[in-house]
Amino acid sequence: MTSSNDNSDFVRDTNRRLRELSWRIERLELSQMPARSLNEAFDRVYEEIDILENKVDNLRDEMREGFNALDAKFELLMKHITGQQ
């Protein structure tokens, strides 16, 4: 259950951060900032997007590892049940 809650919290946090980034992009697009400042602001936004992408990739890797571990345990259990060595 904890894993499900952690995943839900991660998804909620990710969605919140993406909404915040979307709002910041809208605000930047509507502002009349000098081009250099605008570029710097977009660079910061893109850095945060990269951080979120890395977190998603890490979560995906953790899930794959978990599924592989479960698959190995299932195989062992099935060999034990069927009597195969």
C-alpha atoms as a PDB file:
ATOM      1  CA  MET A   1       0.000   0.000   0.000  1.00  0.00           C
ATOM      2  CA  THR A   2       2.812   2.394   0.796  1.00  0.00           C
ATOM      3  CA  SER A   3       4.215   2.045  -2.699  1.00  0.00           C
ATOM      4  CA  SER A   4       0.852   2.955  -4.169  1.00  0.00           C
ATOM      5  CA  ASN A   5       0.610   5.998  -1.915  1.00  0.00           C
ATOM      6  CA  ASP A   6       4.180   7.003  -2.795  1.00  0.00           C
ATOM      7  CA  ASN A   7       3.379   6.654  -6.485  1.00  0.00           C
ATOM      8  CA  SER A   8       0.188   8.678  -6.060  1.00  0.00           C
ATOM      9  CA  ASP A   9       2.109  11.378  -4.185  1.00  0.00           C
ATOM     10  CA  PHE A  10       4.760  11.405  -6.902  1.00  0.00           C
ATOM     11  CA  VAL A  11       2.128  11.742  -9.636  1.00  0.00           C
ATOM     12  CA  ARG A  12       0.347  14.502  -7.706  1.00  0.00           C
ATOM     13  CA  ASP A  13       3.634  16.342  -7.132  1.00  0.00           C
ATOM     14  CA  THR A  14       4.630  15.931 -10.772  1.00  0.00           C
ATOM     15  CA  ASN A  15       1.275  17.236 -11.981  1.00  0.00           C
ATOM     16  CA  ARG A  16       1.510  20.198  -9.617  1.00  0.00           C
ATOM     17  CA  ARG A  17       4.993  21.066 -10.834  1.00  0.00           C
ATOM     18  CA  LEU A  18       3.954  20.729 -14.472  1.00  0.00           C
ATOM     19  CA  ARG A  19       0.978  23.060 -13.871  1.00  0.00           C
ATOM     20  CA  GLU A  20       3.314  25.508 -12.156  1.00  0.00           C
ATOM     21  CA  LEU A  21       5.739  25.339 -15.076  1.00  0.00           C
ATOM     22  CA  SER A  22       2.894  25.812 -17.544  1.00  0.00           C
ATOM     23  CA  TRP A  23       1.712  28.870 -15.620  1.00  0.00           C
ATOM     24  CA  ARG A  24       5.253  30.270 -15.551  1.00  0.00           C
ATOM     25  CA  ILE A  25       5.597  29.753 -19.305  1.00  0.00           C
ATOM     26  CA  GLU A  26       2.289  31.532 -19.915  1.00  0.00           C
ATOM     27  CA  ARG A  27       3.376  34.387 -17.693  1.00  0.00           C
ATOM     28  CA  LEU A  28       6.691  34.630 -19.524  1.00  0.00           C
ATOM     29  CA  GLU A  29       4.984  34.607 -22.901  1.00  0.00           C
ATOM     30  CA  LEU A  30       2.657  37.420 -21.861  1.00  0.00           C
ATOM     31  CA  SER A  31       5.340  39.585 -20.321  1.00  0.00           C
ATOM     32  CA  GLN A  32       7.375  42.091 -22.232  1.00  0.00           C
ATOM     33  CA  MET A  33      10.756  41.093 -20.951  1.00  0.00           C
ATOM     34  CA  PRO A  34      13.980  41.757 -22.824  1.00  0.00           C
ATOM     35  CA  ALA A  35      14.990  38.817 -25.010  1.00  0.00           C
ATOM     36  CA  ARG A  36      17.979  37.941 -22.836  1.00  0.00           C
ATOM     37  CA  SER A  37      15.902  37.795 -19.650  1.00  0.00           C
ATOM     38  CA  LEU A  38      13.257  35.782 -21.441  1.00  0.00           C
ATOM     39  CA  ASN A  39      15.868  33.293 -22.647  1.00  0.00           C
ATOM     40  CA  GLU A  40      17.283  32.950 -19.142  1.00  0.00           C
ATOM     41  CA  ALA A  41      13.818  32.370 -17.705  1.00  0.00           C
ATOM     42  CA  PHE A  42      13.035  29.734 -20.325  1.00  0.00           C
ATOM     43  CA  ASP A  43      16.374  28.066 -19.610  1.00  0.00           C
ATOM     44  CA  ARG A  44      15.380  27.751 -15.938  1.00  0.00           C
ATOM     45  CA  VAL A  45      12.000  26.313 -16.923  1.00  0.00           C
ATOM     46  CA  TYR A  46      13.626  23.792 -19.245  1.00  0.00           C
ATOM     47  CA  GLU A  47      16.096  22.811 -16.513  1.00  0.00           C
ATOM     48  CA  GLU A  48      13.171  22.055 -14.218  1.00  0.00           C
ATOM     49  CA  ILE A  49      11.494  20.030 -16.972  1.00  0.00           C
ATOM     50  CA  ASP A  50      14.722  18.026 -17.345  1.00  0.00           C
ATOM     51  CA  ILE A  51      14.725  17.372 -13.595  1.00  0.00           C
ATOM     52  CA  LEU A  52      11.139  16.092 -13.789  1.00  0.00           C
ATOM     53  CA  GLU A  53      12.000  13.903 -16.773  1.00  0.00           C
ATOM     54  CA  ASN A  54      14.893  12.415 -14.825  1.00  0.00           C
ATOM     55  CA  LYS A  55      12.597  11.688 -11.883  1.00  0.00           C
ATOM     56  CA  VAL A  56      10.100   9.979 -14.198  1.00  0.00           C
ATOM     57  CA  ASP A  57      12.905   7.941 -15.792  1.00  0.00           C
ATOM     58  CA  ASN A  58      14.164   6.898 -12.357  1.00  0.00           C
ATOM     59  CA  LEU A  59      10.676   5.897 -11.278  1.00  0.00           C
ATOM     60  CA  ARG A  60      10.248   3.882 -14.482  1.00  0.00           C
ATOM     61  CA  ASP A  61      13.576   2.111 -13.813  1.00  0.00           C
ATOM     62  CA  GLU A  62      12.526   1.332 -10.241  1.00  0.00           C
ATOM     63  CA  MET A  63       9.240  -0.082 -11.499  1.00  0.00           C
ATOM     64  CA  ARG A  64      11.055  -2.284 -14.038  1.00  0.00           C
ATOM     65  CA  GLU A  65      13.376  -3.572 -11.316  1.00  0.00           C
ATOM     66  CA  GLY A  66      10.375  -4.305  -9.111  1.00  0.00           C
ATOM     67  CA  PHE A  67       8.569  -6.143 -11.904  1.00  0.00           C
ATOM     68  CA  ASN A  68      11.704  -8.147 -12.709  1.00  0.00           C
ATOM     69  CA  ALA A  69      12.058  -9.125  -9.044  1.00  0.00           C
ATOM     70  CA  LEU A  70       8.393 -10.149  -8.902  1.00  0.00           C
ATOM     71  CA  ASP A  71       8.796 -12.126 -12.123  1.00  0.00           C
ATOM     72  CA  ALA A  72      11.786 -14.004 -10.684  1.00  0.00           C
ATOM     73  CA  LYS A  73       9.846 -14.796  -7.491  1.00  0.00           C
ATOM     74  CA  PHE A  74       6.857 -15.945  -9.519  1.00  0.00           C
ATOM     75  CA  GLU A  75       9.062 -18.238 -11.622  1.00  0.00           C
ATOM     76  CA  LEU A  76      10.584 -19.741  -8.469  1.00  0.00           C
ATOM     77  CA  LEU A  77       7.144 -20.228  -6.934  1.00  0.00           C
ATOM     78  CA  MET A  78       5.776 -21.876 -10.076  1.00  0.00           C
ATOM     79  CA  LYS A  79       8.780 -24.259 -10.218  1.00  0.00           C
ATOM     80  CA  HIS A  80       8.148 -25.182  -6.599  1.00  0.00           C
ATOM     81  CA  ILE A  81       4.409 -25.717  -7.188  1.00  0.00           C
ATOM     82  CA  THR A  82       4.877 -27.784 -10.328  1.00  0.00           C
ATOM     83  CA  GLY A  83       7.817 -29.730  -8.892  1.00  0.00           C
ATOM     84  CA  GLN A  84      10.222 -28.666 -11.632  1.00  0.00           C
ATOM     85  CA  GLN A  85      13.854 -28.170 -10.733  1.00  0.00           C
END
